[in-house]
Amino acid sequence: MGVGVSIFTITLGLILKFAIRADAMRDPVDIHVIGVILIIVGGVSFALQLLLMVRMQQQRGGSENHRDRMYDGDNPPPV
């Protein structure tokens, strides 16, 4: 799941948890429990996406560090 899907899942879970009355539904399924599950899944997914993005940037070394390693102040970049 991407970050957008995680935010959508959290939003959907919040709607099910807080915006729908439990007595409005006559199903054997508890809507509030489904909302809490979606909030948890979306939150975990969002946290994992952020963790993976940080790890990817650390592996690449960041664009500024890479540029500094290639060209220092005494040797200008080739034209």
Protein backbone atom coordinates (compact mmCIF):
# COMPACT_ATOMS: atom_id res chain seq x y z
CA MET A 1 0.00 0.00 0.00
CA GLY A 2 1.17 3.49 -0.72
CA VAL A 3 0.92 6.48 1.54
CA GLY A 4 -2.28 7.64 -0.17
CA VAL A 5 -3.96 4.28 0.29
CA SER A 6 -2.92 4.26 3.95
CA ILE A 7 -4.45 7.68 4.53
CA PHE A 8 -7.62 6.58 2.72
CA THR A 9 -7.83 3.46 4.90
CA ILE A 10 -7.43 5.51 8.08
CA THR A 11 -10.09 7.96 6.89
CA LEU A 12 -12.52 5.17 6.04
CA GLY A 13 -11.92 3.59 9.45
CA LEU A 14 -12.58 6.90 11.21
CA ILE A 15 -15.82 7.34 9.28
CA LEU A 16 -16.99 3.86 10.22
CA LYS A 17 -15.97 4.33 13.85
CA PHE A 18 -17.32 7.81 14.56
CA ALA A 19 -19.76 8.87 11.84
CA ILE A 20 -22.08 5.87 11.65
CA ARG A 21 -24.43 5.03 14.48
CA ALA A 22 -24.36 1.39 15.51
CA ASP A 23 -28.15 1.16 15.77
CA ALA A 24 -28.53 2.32 12.15
CA MET A 25 -27.18 -1.03 10.98
CA ARG A 26 -29.02 -4.24 11.81
CA ASP A 27 -26.28 -6.56 10.58
CA PRO A 28 -24.50 -9.02 12.86
CA VAL A 29 -21.23 -7.20 12.04
CA ASP A 30 -20.11 -4.43 14.38
CA ILE A 31 -19.25 -1.44 12.19
CA HIS A 32 -17.21 0.21 14.95
CA VAL A 33 -14.91 -2.81 15.24
CA ILE A 34 -14.34 -2.77 11.48
CA GLY A 35 -13.52 0.95 11.76
CA VAL A 36 -10.94 0.31 14.47
CA ILE A 37 -9.36 -2.49 12.43
CA LEU A 38 -9.09 -0.22 9.38
CA ILE A 39 -7.53 2.55 11.48
CA ILE A 40 -4.92 0.13 12.84
CA VAL A 41 -4.12 -1.37 9.44
CA GLY A 42 -3.85 2.07 7.84
CA GLY A 43 -1.63 3.37 10.65
CA VAL A 44 0.73 0.40 10.48
CA SER A 45 0.90 0.65 6.70
CA PHE A 46 1.62 4.39 6.89
CA ALA A 47 4.39 3.84 9.44
CA LEU A 48 5.97 1.11 7.31
CA GLN A 49 5.87 3.33 4.22
CA LEU A 50 7.64 6.13 6.10
CA LEU A 51 10.24 3.68 7.42
CA LEU A 52 10.90 2.33 3.93
CA MET A 53 11.24 5.84 2.49
CA VAL A 54 13.80 6.77 5.16
CA ARG A 55 15.77 3.58 4.54
CA MET A 56 15.80 4.17 0.76
CA GLN A 57 17.14 7.70 1.24
CA GLN A 58 19.82 6.48 3.63
CA GLN A 59 20.95 3.83 1.15
CA ARG A 60 21.19 6.37 -1.64
CA GLY A 61 23.11 8.73 0.61
CA GLY A 62 20.99 11.76 -0.25
CA SER A 63 21.51 13.93 -3.32
CA GLU A 64 23.63 16.60 -1.55
CA ASN A 65 26.09 14.08 -0.13
CA HIS A 66 26.47 12.41 -3.51
CA ARG A 67 27.12 15.72 -5.23
CA ASP A 68 29.68 16.73 -2.59
CA ARG A 69 31.57 13.46 -3.02
CA MET A 70 31.76 13.80 -6.80
CA TYR A 71 32.90 17.43 -6.99
CA ASP A 72 34.79 19.35 -4.40
CA GLY A 73 35.58 23.07 -4.44
CA ASP A 74 39.01 22.69 -6.12
CA ASN A 75 37.84 20.55 -9.03
CA PRO A 76 34.88 22.00 -10.94
CA PRO A 77 32.54 19.58 -12.68
CA PRO A 78 33.35 18.71 -16.31
CA VAL A 79 31.63 20.76 -18.97
